[in-house]
PDB file of N, CA and C in Angstrom:
ATOM      1  N   MET A   1      92.160 -25.132  80.937  1.00  0.00           N
ATOM      2  CA  MET A   1      92.956 -24.355  80.539  1.00  0.00           C
ATOM      3  C   MET A   1      93.525 -23.271  81.402  1.00  0.00           C
ATOM      4  N   ASP A   2      95.013 -23.497  81.085  1.00  0.00           N
ATOM      5  CA  ASP A   2      95.432 -22.409  82.233  1.00  0.00           C
ATOM      6  C   ASP A   2      95.662 -21.309  82.166  1.00  0.00           C
ATOM      7  N   GLU A   3      96.146 -20.133  83.043  1.00  0.00           N
ATOM      8  CA  GLU A   3      96.240 -18.609  82.840  1.00  0.00           C
ATOM      9  C   GLU A   3      96.908 -18.344  81.657  1.00  0.00           C
ATOM     10  N   GLN A   4      97.901 -18.736  81.248  1.00  0.00           N
ATOM     11  CA  GLN A   4      98.743 -18.358  80.248  1.00  0.00           C
ATOM     12  C   GLN A   4      98.013 -18.475  78.851  1.00  0.00           C
ATOM     13  N   GLN A   5      97.314 -19.517  79.183  1.00  0.00           N
ATOM     14  CA  GLN A   5      96.534 -19.712  77.515  1.00  0.00           C
ATOM     15  C   GLN A   5      95.154 -19.218  77.675  1.00  0.00           C
ATOM     16  N   LEU A   6      94.702 -18.569  78.768  1.00  0.00           N
ATOM     17  CA  LEU A   6      93.599 -17.737  78.917  1.00  0.00           C
ATOM     18  C   LEU A   6      94.018 -16.520  78.346  1.00  0.00           C
ATOM     19  N   LEU A   7      95.476 -15.721  78.662  1.00  0.00           N
ATOM     20  CA  LEU A   7      96.003 -14.449  78.274  1.00  0.00           C
ATOM     21  C   LEU A   7      96.061 -14.193  77.002  1.00  0.00           C
ATOM     22  N   GLU A   8      96.501 -15.515  76.370  1.00  0.00           N
ATOM     23  CA  GLU A   8      96.671 -15.413  75.137  1.00  0.00           C
ATOM     24  C   GLU A   8      95.434 -15.115  74.346  1.00  0.00           C
ATOM     25  N   ARG A   9      94.256 -15.093  74.693  1.00  0.00           N
ATOM     26  CA  ARG A   9      92.917 -14.697  74.105  1.00  0.00           C
ATOM     27  C   ARG A   9      92.840 -13.131  74.439  1.00  0.00           C
ATOM     28  N   ILE A  10      93.463 -12.325  74.946  1.00  0.00           N
ATOM     29  CA  ILE A  10      93.784 -11.040  75.011  1.00  0.00           C
ATOM     30  C   ILE A  10      94.867 -10.379  74.036  1.00  0.00           C
ATOM     31  N   THR A  11      94.537  -9.538  73.453  1.00  0.00           N
ATOM     32  CA  THR A  11      95.546  -8.951  72.476  1.00  0.00           C
ATOM     33  C   THR A  11      95.370  -7.702  72.346  1.00  0.00           C
ATOM     34  N   VAL A  12      96.393  -6.884  71.977  1.00  0.00           N
ATOM     35  CA  VAL A  12      96.402  -5.466  71.614  1.00  0.00           C
ATOM     36  C   VAL A  12      96.611  -5.057  69.995  1.00  0.00           C
ATOM     37  N   ASN A  13      96.039  -4.156  69.539  1.00  0.00           N
ATOM     38  CA  ASN A  13      95.576  -3.665  68.206  1.00  0.00           C
ATOM     39  C   ASN A  13      95.876  -2.044  68.264  1.00  0.00           C
ATOM     40  N   PRO A  14      96.991  -1.750  67.892  1.00  0.00           N
ATOM     41  CA  PRO A  14      97.020  -0.430  67.995  1.00  0.00           C
ATOM     42  C   PRO A  14      95.768   0.312  67.214  1.00  0.00           C
ATOM     43  N   ARG A  15      95.242  -0.079  66.419  1.00  0.00           N
ATOM     44  CA  ARG A  15      94.249   0.272  65.169  1.00  0.00           C
ATOM     45  C   ARG A  15      92.545   0.274  66.200  1.00  0.00           C
ATOM     46  N   ILE A  16      92.713  -0.435  66.512  1.00  0.00           N
ATOM     47  CA  ILE A  16      91.515  -0.733  67.597  1.00  0.00           C
ATOM     48  C   ILE A  16      91.342  -0.277  68.887  1.00  0.00           C
ATOM     49  N   PHE A  17      90.474   0.569  69.284  1.00  0.00           N
ATOM     50  CA  PHE A  17      90.309   1.354  70.692  1.00  0.00           C
ATOM     51  C   PHE A  17      91.695   1.910  71.192  1.00  0.00           C
ATOM     52  N   GLY A  18      92.760   2.272  70.394  1.00  0.00           N
ATOM     53  CA  GLY A  18      93.636   3.022  70.711  1.00  0.00           C
ATOM     54  C   GLY A  18      94.719   1.817  71.498  1.00  0.00           C
ATOM     55  N   GLY A  19      94.467   0.814  71.100  1.00  0.00           N
ATOM     56  CA  GLY A  19      95.675  -0.233  71.604  1.00  0.00           C
ATOM     57  C   GLY A  19      95.290  -0.795  73.038  1.00  0.00           C
ATOM     58  N   LYS A  20      93.919  -0.438  73.546  1.00  0.00           N
ATOM     59  CA  LYS A  20      93.529  -1.315  74.488  1.00  0.00           C
ATOM     60  C   LYS A  20      93.395  -2.500  74.645  1.00  0.00           C
ATOM     61  N   PRO A  21      93.450  -3.381  75.344  1.00  0.00           N
ATOM     62  CA  PRO A  21      93.461  -4.723  75.290  1.00  0.00           C
ATOM     63  C   PRO A  21      92.215  -5.252  74.883  1.00  0.00           C
ATOM     64  N   ILE A  22      91.888  -6.135  74.059  1.00  0.00           N
ATOM     65  CA  ILE A  22      90.626  -6.730  73.384  1.00  0.00           C
ATOM     66  C   ILE A  22      90.869  -8.242  73.588  1.00  0.00           C
ATOM     67  N   ILE A  23      89.864  -8.600  72.995  1.00  0.00           N
ATOM     68  CA  ILE A  23      89.618 -10.125  72.978  1.00  0.00           C
ATOM     69  C   ILE A  23      89.741 -10.791  71.634  1.00  0.00           C
ATOM     70  N   ARG A  24      90.568 -11.554  71.663  1.00  0.00           N
ATOM     71  CA  ARG A  24      91.162 -12.281  70.457  1.00  0.00           C
ATOM     72  C   ARG A  24      90.945 -11.292  68.878  1.00  0.00           C
ATOM     73  N   GLY A  25      91.485 -10.211  69.254  1.00  0.00           N
ATOM     74  CA  GLY A  25      91.451  -9.352  68.036  1.00  0.00           C
ATOM     75  C   GLY A  25      89.979  -8.648  67.404  1.00  0.00           C
ATOM     76  N   ARG A  26      88.931  -8.716  68.504  1.00  0.00           N
ATOM     77  CA  ARG A  26      87.800  -8.281  68.044  1.00  0.00           C
ATOM     78  C   ARG A  26      87.293  -6.861  68.504  1.00  0.00           C
ATOM     79  N   ARG A  27      86.403  -6.130  68.169  1.00  0.00           N
ATOM     80  CA  ARG A  27      86.155  -4.975  68.716  1.00  0.00           C
ATOM     81  C   ARG A  27      85.212  -5.266  69.949  1.00  0.00           C
ATOM     82  N   LEU A  28      85.926  -5.691  70.681  1.00  0.00           N
ATOM     83  CA  LEU A  28      85.442  -6.023  72.369  1.00  0.00           C
ATOM     84  C   LEU A  28      86.606  -5.937  73.353  1.00  0.00           C
ATOM     85  N   ALA A  29      86.286  -4.536  73.993  1.00  0.00           N
ATOM     86  CA  ALA A  29      87.502  -4.557  74.780  1.00  0.00           C
ATOM     87  C   ALA A  29      87.290  -5.140  76.256  1.00  0.00           C
ATOM     88  N   VAL A  30      88.634  -5.504  76.737  1.00  0.00           N
ATOM     89  CA  VAL A  30      88.745  -6.152  77.984  1.00  0.00           C
ATOM     90  C   VAL A  30      87.932  -5.456  79.268  1.00  0.00           C
ATOM     91  N   GLU A  31      88.276  -3.938  78.875  1.00  0.00           N
ATOM     92  CA  GLU A  31      87.319  -2.699  79.764  1.00  0.00           C
ATOM     93  C   GLU A  31      85.889  -3.123  79.891  1.00  0.00           C
ATOM     94  N   HIS A  32      85.294  -2.952  78.624  1.00  0.00           N
ATOM     95  CA  HIS A  32      84.050  -3.257  78.364  1.00  0.00           C
ATOM     96  C   HIS A  32      83.089  -4.562  79.076  1.00  0.00           C
ATOM     97  N   VAL A  33      83.878  -5.588  78.937  1.00  0.00           N
ATOM     98  CA  VAL A  33      83.426  -6.889  79.534  1.00  0.00           C
ATOM     99  C   VAL A  33      83.372  -6.815  81.040  1.00  0.00           C
ATOM    100  N   LEU A  34      84.671  -6.314  81.649  1.00  0.00           N
ATOM    101  CA  LEU A  34      84.732  -6.060  82.893  1.00  0.00           C
ATOM    102  C   LEU A  34      83.644  -5.458  83.516  1.00  0.00           C
ATOM    103  N   GLY A  35      83.437  -3.849  82.703  1.00  0.00           N
ATOM    104  CA  GLY A  35      82.213  -3.090  83.220  1.00  0.00           C
ATOM    105  C   GLY A  35      80.965  -3.808  83.209  1.00  0.00           C
ATOM    106  N   MET A  36      80.621  -4.666  82.178  1.00  0.00           N
ATOM    107  CA  MET A  36      79.336  -5.680  82.247  1.00  0.00           C
ATOM    108  C   MET A  36      79.132  -6.293  83.336  1.00  0.00           C
ATOM    109  N   LEU A  37      80.199  -6.939  83.718  1.00  0.00           N
ATOM    110  CA  LEU A  37      80.522  -7.807  85.077  1.00  0.00           C
ATOM    111  C   LEU A  37      80.349  -7.039  86.296  1.00  0.00           C
ATOM    112  N   ALA A  38      80.895  -6.126  86.011  1.00  0.00           N
ATOM    113  CA  ALA A  38      80.555  -5.166  87.399  1.00  0.00           C
ATOM    114  C   ALA A  38      79.442  -4.386  87.596  1.00  0.00           C
ATOM    115  N   ALA A  39      78.798  -4.367  86.711  1.00  0.00           N
ATOM    116  CA  ALA A  39      77.423  -3.684  86.481  1.00  0.00           C
ATOM    117  C   ALA A  39      76.391  -4.848  86.921  1.00  0.00           C
ATOM    118  N   GLY A  40      76.739  -6.078  87.217  1.00  0.00           N
ATOM    119  CA  GLY A  40      75.859  -7.282  87.602  1.00  0.00           C
ATOM    120  C   GLY A  40      75.121  -8.087  86.203  1.00  0.00           C
ATOM    121  N   ASP A  41      75.971  -7.849  85.386  1.00  0.00           N
ATOM    122  CA  ASP A  41      75.586  -8.775  84.328  1.00  0.00           C
ATOM    123  C   ASP A  41      76.100  -9.921  84.322  1.00  0.00           C
ATOM    124  N   ALA A  42      75.045 -11.154  83.956  1.00  0.00           N
ATOM    125  CA  ALA A  42      75.894 -12.579  84.226  1.00  0.00           C
ATOM    126  C   ALA A  42      76.311 -12.895  82.862  1.00  0.00           C
ATOM    127  N   PRO A  43      77.683 -13.796  83.285  1.00  0.00           N
ATOM    128  CA  PRO A  43      78.223 -14.389  82.065  1.00  0.00           C
ATOM    129  C   PRO A  43      77.105 -14.716  80.852  1.00  0.00           C
ATOM    130  N   GLU A  44      76.086 -15.122  81.175  1.00  0.00           N
ATOM    131  CA  GLU A  44      75.204 -15.903  80.014  1.00  0.00           C
ATOM    132  C   GLU A  44      74.418 -14.973  79.170  1.00  0.00           C
ATOM    133  N   ILE A  45      74.394 -13.556  79.622  1.00  0.00           N
ATOM    134  CA  ILE A  45      74.077 -12.435  79.189  1.00  0.00           C
ATOM    135  C   ILE A  45      75.194 -11.667  78.083  1.00  0.00           C
ATOM    136  N   LEU A  46      76.257 -11.732  78.571  1.00  0.00           N
ATOM    137  CA  LEU A  46      77.438 -11.062  77.523  1.00  0.00           C
ATOM    138  C   LEU A  46      77.418 -12.408  76.082  1.00  0.00           C
ATOM    139  N   LEU A  47      77.632 -13.517  76.857  1.00  0.00           N
ATOM    140  CA  LEU A  47      77.531 -14.874  75.362  1.00  0.00           C
ATOM    141  C   LEU A  47      76.309 -14.863  74.753  1.00  0.00           C
ATOM    142  N   ALA A  48      75.404 -14.098  75.426  1.00  0.00           N
ATOM    143  CA  ALA A  48      73.926 -14.050  74.464  1.00  0.00           C
ATOM    144  C   ALA A  48      74.286 -13.090  73.437  1.00  0.00           C
ATOM    145  N   GLY A  49      74.737 -11.788  73.995  1.00  0.00           N
ATOM    146  CA  GLY A  49      74.896 -10.639  73.383  1.00  0.00           C
ATOM    147  C   GLY A  49      75.841 -10.565  72.166  1.00  0.00           C
ATOM    148  N   TYR A  50      77.064 -11.494  72.646  1.00  0.00           N
ATOM    149  CA  TYR A  50      78.119 -11.447  71.409  1.00  0.00           C
ATOM    150  C   TYR A  50      78.195 -13.190  71.412  1.00  0.00           C
ATOM    151  N   PRO A  51      77.567 -13.529  70.055  1.00  0.00           N
ATOM    152  CA  PRO A  51      77.296 -14.492  69.740  1.00  0.00           C
ATOM    153  C   PRO A  51      79.025 -15.382  69.841  1.00  0.00           C
ATOM    154  N   TRP A  52      79.957 -14.794  69.347  1.00  0.00           N
ATOM    155  CA  TRP A  52      81.316 -15.323  69.152  1.00  0.00           C
ATOM    156  C   TRP A  52      81.912 -15.456  70.256  1.00  0.00           C
ATOM    157  N   LEU A  53      81.427 -14.577  71.142  1.00  0.00           N
ATOM    158  CA  LEU A  53      82.323 -14.615  72.699  1.00  0.00           C
ATOM    159  C   LEU A  53      82.224 -16.107  73.270  1.00  0.00           C
ATOM    160  N   GLU A  54      83.238 -16.466  74.088  1.00  0.00           N
ATOM    161  CA  GLU A  54      83.116 -17.909  74.454  1.00  0.00           C
ATOM    162  C   GLU A  54      83.327 -17.630  76.187  1.00  0.00           C
ATOM    163  N   ARG A  55      83.389 -18.387  76.955  1.00  0.00           N
ATOM    164  CA  ARG A  55      83.211 -18.210  78.253  1.00  0.00           C
ATOM    165  C   ARG A  55      84.818 -18.150  78.855  1.00  0.00           C
ATOM    166  N   GLU A  56      85.253 -18.765  78.037  1.00  0.00           N
ATOM    167  CA  GLU A  56      86.809 -18.528  78.308  1.00  0.00           C
ATOM    168  C   GLU A  56      87.442 -17.510  78.039  1.00  0.00           C
ATOM    169  N   ASP A  57      86.688 -16.701  77.300  1.00  0.00           N
ATOM    170  CA  ASP A  57      87.166 -15.157  76.818  1.00  0.00           C
ATOM    171  C   ASP A  57      86.964 -14.240  78.156  1.00  0.00           C
ATOM    172  N   ILE A  58      85.709 -14.384  78.998  1.00  0.00           N
ATOM    173  CA  ILE A  58      85.276 -13.823  80.154  1.00  0.00           C
ATOM    174  C   ILE A  58      86.201 -14.161  81.259  1.00  0.00           C
ATOM    175  N   GLN A  59      86.586 -15.388  81.317  1.00  0.00           N
ATOM    176  CA  GLN A  59      87.627 -16.129  82.237  1.00  0.00           C
ATOM    177  C   GLN A  59      89.021 -15.237  82.068  1.00  0.00           C
ATOM    178  N   ALA A  60      89.081 -15.164  80.907  1.00  0.00           N
ATOM    179  CA  ALA A  60      90.619 -14.401  80.191  1.00  0.00           C
ATOM    180  C   ALA A  60      90.648 -13.039  81.002  1.00  0.00           C
ATOM    181  N   CYS A  61      89.355 -12.081  80.834  1.00  0.00           N
ATOM    182  CA  CYS A  61      89.323 -10.561  81.431  1.00  0.00           C
ATOM    183  C   CYS A  61      89.609 -10.786  82.464  1.00  0.00           C
ATOM    184  N   LEU A  62      88.754 -11.507  83.219  1.00  0.00           N
ATOM    185  CA  LEU A  62      89.069 -11.556  84.765  1.00  0.00           C
ATOM    186  C   LEU A  62      90.287 -12.028  85.125  1.00  0.00           C
ATOM    187  N   VAL A  63      91.155 -12.979  84.773  1.00  0.00           N
ATOM    188  CA  VAL A  63      92.548 -13.224  84.702  1.00  0.00           C
ATOM    189  C   VAL A  63      93.498 -11.698  84.531  1.00  0.00           C
ATOM    190  N   TYR A  64      93.255 -11.191  83.326  1.00  0.00           N
ATOM    191  CA  TYR A  64      93.850 -10.225  83.060  1.00  0.00           C
ATOM    192  C   TYR A  64      93.658  -9.221  83.847  1.00  0.00           C
ATOM    193  N   ALA A  65      92.586  -8.791  84.165  1.00  0.00           N
ATOM    194  CA  ALA A  65      92.331  -7.579  85.693  1.00  0.00           C
ATOM    195  C   ALA A  65      92.989  -8.178  86.876  1.00  0.00           C
ATOM    196  N   ARG A  66      92.840  -9.519  87.153  1.00  0.00           N
ATOM    197  CA  ARG A  66      93.734  -9.839  88.952  1.00  0.00           C
ATOM    198  C   ARG A  66      95.369  -9.503  88.405  1.00  0.00           C
ATOM    199  N   ARG A  67      95.610  -9.956  87.618  1.00  0.00           N
ATOM    200  CA  ARG A  67      97.083  -9.660  86.947  1.00  0.00           C
ATOM    201  C   ARG A  67      97.461  -8.352  87.279  1.00  0.00           C
ATOM    202  N   LEU A  68      96.665  -7.345  86.455  1.00  0.00           N
ATOM    203  CA  LEU A  68      97.030  -6.093  86.788  1.00  0.00           C
ATOM    204  C   LEU A  68      96.928  -5.682  87.641  1.00  0.00           C
ATOM    205  N   VAL A  69      95.830  -6.077  88.872  1.00  0.00           N
ATOM    206  CA  VAL A  69      95.955  -5.045  90.082  1.00  0.00           C
ATOM    207  C   VAL A  69      96.778  -5.936  91.181  1.00  0.00           C
ATOM    208  N   GLY A  70      97.484  -6.946  90.989  1.00  0.00           N
ATOM    209  CA  GLY A  70      98.258  -7.562  91.623  1.00  0.00           C
ATOM    210  C   GLY A  70      99.595  -7.310  91.248  1.00  0.00           C
ATOM    211  N   HIS A  71      99.760  -6.087  90.733  1.00  0.00           N
ATOM    212  CA  HIS A  71     101.073  -5.324  90.472  1.00  0.00           C
ATOM    213  C   HIS A  71     101.202  -4.126  90.968  1.00  0.00           C
ATOM    214  N   GLU A  72      99.719  -3.627  91.232  1.00  0.00           N
ATOM    215  CA  GLU A  72      99.394  -2.295  91.897  1.00  0.00           C
ATOM    216  C   GLU A  72     100.089  -2.080  93.120  1.00  0.00           C
ATOM    217  N   ARG A  73     100.710  -1.075  93.592  1.00  0.00           N
ATOM    218  CA  ARG A  73     101.240  -0.573  94.679  1.00  0.00           C
ATOM    219  C   ARG A  73     100.431   0.624  95.115  1.00  0.00           C
ATOM    220  N   ILE A  74      99.719   0.881  96.215  1.00  0.00           N
ATOM    221  CA  ILE A  74      99.149   1.738  96.559  1.00  0.00           C
ATOM    222  C   ILE A  74      99.257   2.350  97.750  1.00  0.00           C
ATOM    223  N   GLU A  75      99.644   3.675  98.018  1.00  0.00           N
ATOM    224  CA  GLU A  75     100.514   4.299  99.368  1.00  0.00           C
ATOM    225  C   GLU A  75      98.759   4.427 100.189  1.00  0.00           C
ATOM    226  N   PRO A  76      99.078   3.964 101.495  1.00  0.00           N
ATOM    227  CA  PRO A  76      97.541   4.176 102.137  1.00  0.00           C
ATOM    228  C   PRO A  76      97.586   6.115 102.207  1.00  0.00           C
ATOM    229  N   LEU A  77      96.114   6.755 101.748  1.00  0.00           N
ATOM    230  CA  LEU A  77      96.182   7.752 102.001  1.00  0.00           C
ATOM    231  C   LEU A  77      95.653   8.439 103.343  1.00  0.00           C
ATOM    232  N   ARG A  78      96.443   9.195 103.912  1.00  0.00           N
ATOM    233  CA  ARG A  78      96.246   9.868 105.235  1.00  0.00           C
ATOM    234  C   ARG A  78      95.694  10.949 105.287  1.00  0.00           C
ATOM    235  N   ILE A  79      94.144  11.039 106.069  1.00  0.00           N
ATOM    236  CA  ILE A  79      93.719  12.245 105.881  1.00  0.00           C
ATOM    237  C   ILE A  79      93.403  12.759 107.476  1.00  0.00           C
ATOM    238  N   GLU A  80      93.900  14.133 107.501  1.00  0.00           N
ATOM    239  CA  GLU A  80      94.150  14.543 108.885  1.00  0.00           C
ATOM    240  C   GLU A  80      92.975  15.436 109.074  1.00  0.00           C
ATOM    241  N   THR A  81      92.271  15.689 110.177  1.00  0.00           N
ATOM    242  CA  THR A  81      91.084  16.334 110.583  1.00  0.00           C
ATOM    243  C   THR A  81      91.513  17.792 111.112  1.00  0.00           C
ATOM    244  N   ALA A  82      90.846  18.744 110.928  1.00  0.00           N
ATOM    245  CA  ALA A  82      91.084  19.898 111.726  1.00  0.00           C
ATOM    246  C   ALA A  82      90.734  20.047 113.381  1.00  0.00           C
ATOM    247  N   ALA A  83      91.733  19.867 114.251  1.00  0.00           N
ATOM    248  CA  ALA A  83      91.443  19.936 115.622  1.00  0.00           C
ATOM    249  C   ALA A  83      90.799  21.060 116.201  1.00  0.00           C
TER     250      ALA A  83
END
């Protein structure tokens, strides 16, 4: 499955979570999946907790996040110390 097909699994519905990106129209936000992964949960834990969730859905969340941060431009923060 290519990235475009994976990204088609991510949808936005203004009536669900205020329009945050969700997985296939379900009430599971991309943000939540990423948070669980960041906390150290293995994909198998997510799949067991959400029986309808597919491995490709988790992969789609990661592709979505990579695309978002790929467009960010952050200026370096310069901190000066008092001499």
